[in-house]
C-alpha atoms as a PDB file:
ATOM      1  CA  MET A   1       0.000   0.000   0.000  1.00  0.00           C
ATOM      2  CA  SER A   2       1.356   3.415  -0.923  1.00  0.00           C
ATOM      3  CA  ASN A   3       1.594   6.368   1.468  1.00  0.00           C
ATOM      4  CA  ASP A   4       0.584   8.682  -1.411  1.00  0.00           C
ATOM      5  CA  PHE A   5      -3.011   7.450  -1.422  1.00  0.00           C
ATOM      6  CA  PRO A   6      -4.293   9.684   1.437  1.00  0.00           C
ATOM      7  CA  PHE A   7      -2.532  12.716  -0.061  1.00  0.00           C
ATOM      8  CA  GLY A   8      -3.903  11.984  -3.544  1.00  0.00           C
ATOM      9  CA  CYS A   9      -7.383  11.457  -2.129  1.00  0.00           C
ATOM     10  CA  SER A  10      -7.148  14.798  -0.319  1.00  0.00           C
ATOM     11  CA  LEU A  11      -6.185  16.528  -3.562  1.00  0.00           C
ATOM     12  CA  VAL A  12      -9.185  15.025  -5.341  1.00  0.00           C
ATOM     13  CA  VAL A  13     -11.559  16.143  -2.569  1.00  0.00           C
ATOM     14  CA  ILE A  14     -10.059  19.666  -2.464  1.00  0.00           C
ATOM     15  CA  GLY A  15     -10.219  19.898  -6.263  1.00  0.00           C
ATOM     16  CA  ALA A  16     -13.866  18.797  -6.270  1.00  0.00           C
ATOM     17  CA  LEU A  17     -14.725  21.381  -3.605  1.00  0.00           C
ATOM     18  CA  LEU A  18     -12.992  24.142  -5.579  1.00  0.00           C
ATOM     19  CA  VAL A  19     -14.775  23.188  -8.795  1.00  0.00           C
ATOM     20  CA  GLY A  20     -18.104  23.033  -6.919  1.00  0.00           C
ATOM     21  CA  ALA A  21     -17.548  26.446  -5.308  1.00  0.00           C
ATOM     22  CA  ALA A  22     -16.624  27.984  -8.665  1.00  0.00           C
ATOM     23  CA  GLY A  23     -19.727  26.443 -10.235  1.00  0.00           C
ATOM     24  CA  ILE A  24     -21.971  27.874  -7.520  1.00  0.00           C
ATOM     25  CA  GLY A  25     -20.353  31.297  -7.914  1.00  0.00           C
ATOM     26  CA  ILE A  26     -20.880  31.295 -11.658  1.00  0.00           C
ATOM     27  CA  ALA A  27     -24.464  29.988 -11.415  1.00  0.00           C
ATOM     28  CA  LYS A  28     -25.277  32.572  -8.726  1.00  0.00           C
ATOM     29  CA  ASN A  29     -24.121  35.425 -10.930  1.00  0.00           C
ATOM     30  CA  LEU A  30     -25.751  34.119 -14.087  1.00  0.00           C
ATOM     31  CA  HIS A  31     -29.156  33.583 -12.438  1.00  0.00           C
ATOM     32  CA  GLU A  32     -31.303  36.533 -13.541  1.00  0.00           C
ATOM     33  CA  GLU A  33     -34.747  37.726 -12.474  1.00  0.00           C
ATOM     34  CA  HIS A  34     -36.930  40.678 -13.555  1.00  0.00           C
ATOM     35  CA  PRO A  35     -38.996  41.771 -10.515  1.00  0.00           C
ATOM     36  CA  THR A  36     -40.984  44.977 -10.118  1.00  0.00           C
ATOM     37  CA  CYS A  37     -40.265  46.476  -6.698  1.00  0.00           C
ATOM     38  CA  THR A  38     -41.140  49.611  -4.710  1.00  0.00           C
ATOM     39  CA  ILE A  39     -38.159  51.120  -2.881  1.00  0.00           C
ATOM     40  CA  THR A  40     -38.970  51.817   0.783  1.00  0.00           C
ATOM     41  CA  ALA A  41     -35.472  52.755   2.024  1.00  0.00           C
ATOM     42  CA  LYS A  42     -31.832  52.905   0.962  1.00  0.00           C
ATOM     43  CA  GLU A  43     -28.525  52.698   2.813  1.00  0.00           C
ATOM     44  CA  SER A  44     -24.876  53.040   1.935  1.00  0.00           C
ATOM     45  CA  ILE A  45     -22.525  51.236   4.284  1.00  0.00           C
ATOM     46  CA  ALA A  46     -18.897  52.402   4.386  1.00  0.00           C
ATOM     47  CA  LYS A  47     -16.464  49.500   4.075  1.00  0.00           C
ATOM     48  CA  GLU A  48     -12.666  49.386   4.084  1.00  0.00           C
ATOM     49  CA  LYS A  49     -12.741  49.218   0.307  1.00  0.00           C
ATOM     50  CA  GLY A  50     -15.580  51.425  -0.912  1.00  0.00           C
ATOM     51  CA  HIS A  51     -19.268  51.154  -0.087  1.00  0.00           C
ATOM     52  CA  GLU A  52     -21.936  48.529   0.046  1.00  0.00           C
ATOM     53  CA  TYR A  53     -25.249  49.781  -1.276  1.00  0.00           C
ATOM     54  CA  ARG A  54     -28.532  48.234  -0.120  1.00  0.00           C
ATOM     55  CA  VAL A  55     -32.126  48.952  -1.013  1.00  0.00           C
ATOM     56  CA  PHE A  56     -35.168  47.798   0.921  1.00  0.00           C
ATOM     57  CA  THR A  57     -38.367  47.009  -0.973  1.00  0.00           C
ATOM     58  CA  GLU A  58     -41.970  46.089  -0.248  1.00  0.00           C
ATOM     59  CA  GLU A  59     -42.194  43.154  -2.639  1.00  0.00           C
ATOM     60  CA  CYS A  60     -38.634  41.924  -3.108  1.00  0.00           C
ATOM     61  CA  GLY A  61     -36.998  42.126   0.305  1.00  0.00           C
ATOM     62  CA  VAL A  62     -33.496  43.514   0.740  1.00  0.00           C
ATOM     63  CA  LEU A  63     -31.367  43.861  -2.378  1.00  0.00           C
ATOM     64  CA  LYS A  64     -27.790  44.974  -2.851  1.00  0.00           C
ATOM     65  CA  VAL A  65     -26.532  47.188  -5.634  1.00  0.00           C
ATOM     66  CA  GLY A  66     -23.001  46.159  -6.474  1.00  0.00           C
ATOM     67  CA  ASP A  67     -20.504  45.813  -9.265  1.00  0.00           C
ATOM     68  CA  THR A  68     -20.004  42.379 -10.803  1.00  0.00           C
ATOM     69  CA  ILE A  69     -17.226  41.248 -13.081  1.00  0.00           C
ATOM     70  CA  TRP A  70     -19.356  38.358 -14.389  1.00  0.00           C
ATOM     71  CA  ARG A  71     -21.636  40.800 -16.223  1.00  0.00           C
ATOM     72  CA  MET A  72     -19.018  43.531 -16.742  1.00  0.00           C
ATOM     73  CA  HIS A  73     -21.233  45.786 -14.608  1.00  0.00           C
ATOM     74  CA  PHE A  74     -19.228  48.540 -12.895  1.00  0.00           C
ATOM     75  CA  GLU A  75     -21.810  51.305 -12.421  1.00  0.00           C
ATOM     76  CA  SER A  76     -23.395  50.364  -9.116  1.00  0.00           C
ATOM     77  CA  ALA A  77     -23.085  53.886  -7.674  1.00  0.00           C
ATOM     78  CA  ASP A  78     -25.049  55.295 -10.616  1.00  0.00           C
ATOM     79  CA  VAL A  79     -27.745  52.618 -10.351  1.00  0.00           C
ATOM     80  CA  TYR A  80     -28.006  53.224  -6.595  1.00  0.00           C
ATOM     81  CA  ALA A  81     -28.278  56.999  -7.094  1.00  0.00           C
ATOM     82  CA  SER A  82     -31.067  56.534  -9.663  1.00  0.00           C
ATOM     83  CA  LEU A  83     -33.298  54.685  -7.156  1.00  0.00           C
ATOM     84  CA  HIS A  84     -35.658  56.885  -5.121  1.00  0.00           C
ATOM     85  CA  GLU A  85     -37.673  55.946  -2.056  1.00  0.00           C
ATOM     86  CA  GLY A  86     -41.389  55.551  -2.741  1.00  0.00           C
ATOM     87  CA  GLU A  87     -40.845  54.888  -6.451  1.00  0.00           C
ATOM     88  CA  THR A  88     -41.492  51.593  -8.245  1.00  0.00           C
ATOM     89  CA  TYR A  89     -38.930  50.103 -10.630  1.00  0.00           C
ATOM     90  CA  ASP A  90     -38.584  47.237 -13.062  1.00  0.00           C
ATOM     91  CA  LEU A  91     -35.326  45.657 -11.951  1.00  0.00           C
ATOM     92  CA  ILE A  92     -32.890  43.152 -13.320  1.00  0.00           C
ATOM     93  CA  THR A  93     -31.267  41.227 -10.485  1.00  0.00           C
ATOM     94  CA  THR A  94     -28.719  38.445 -10.333  1.00  0.00           C
ATOM     95  CA  GLY A  95     -28.127  35.926  -7.579  1.00  0.00           C
ATOM     96  CA  TRP A  96     -30.238  34.459  -4.815  1.00  0.00           C
ATOM     97  CA  ARG A  97     -31.227  35.343  -1.259  1.00  0.00           C
ATOM     98  CA  VAL A  98     -29.414  32.989   1.121  1.00  0.00           C
ATOM     99  CA  PRO A  99     -29.743  34.506   4.610  1.00  0.00           C
ATOM    100  CA  PHE A 100     -27.231  32.331   6.476  1.00  0.00           C
ATOM    101  CA  LEU A 101     -24.538  33.271   3.911  1.00  0.00           C
ATOM    102  CA  SER A 102     -25.645  36.940   3.858  1.00  0.00           C
ATOM    103  CA  TRP A 103     -26.284  36.660   0.117  1.00  0.00           C
ATOM    104  CA  MET A 104     -28.911  38.869  -1.458  1.00  0.00           C
ATOM    105  CA  PRO A 105     -29.855  39.508  -5.083  1.00  0.00           C
ATOM    106  CA  ASN A 106     -27.784  42.183  -6.814  1.00  0.00           C
ATOM    107  CA  VAL A 107     -29.527  44.938  -8.791  1.00  0.00           C
ATOM    108  CA  VAL A 108     -27.702  45.410 -12.101  1.00  0.00           C
ATOM    109  CA  GLU A 109     -30.321  47.508 -13.883  1.00  0.00           C
ATOM    110  CA  ALA A 110     -33.303  49.633 -12.844  1.00  0.00           C
ATOM    111  CA  THR A 111     -35.905  51.466 -14.932  1.00  0.00           C
ATOM    112  CA  PRO A 112     -39.008  53.268 -13.636  1.00  0.00           C
ATOM    113  CA  ALA A 113     -42.070  51.000 -13.804  1.00  0.00           C
ATOM    114  CA  LYS A 114     -44.823  52.008 -16.191  1.00  0.00           C
END
């Protein structure tokens, strides 16, 4: 019996976990929804590296407004600034709400609802 077996097995398990995590990350960012939501409040949280923008809605829960390399979307500050409390918007969001991971859908586009 070789001593390399446990090490090789560990590499396979670590590789599978990395591939699985990458797959979840890609799927999360490619998942797209088109909800219509009324903004009830907004907040900008100062972080070490920039800001985290959040919007609170009646119908859609809490959403973040952030940049994402997967969609080449780097205008989150402009999208956040265009949202006004009390107004209703047709949104394009990516991602899912997973509370125990602190994940929330990301707003990548917003247009006033008709």
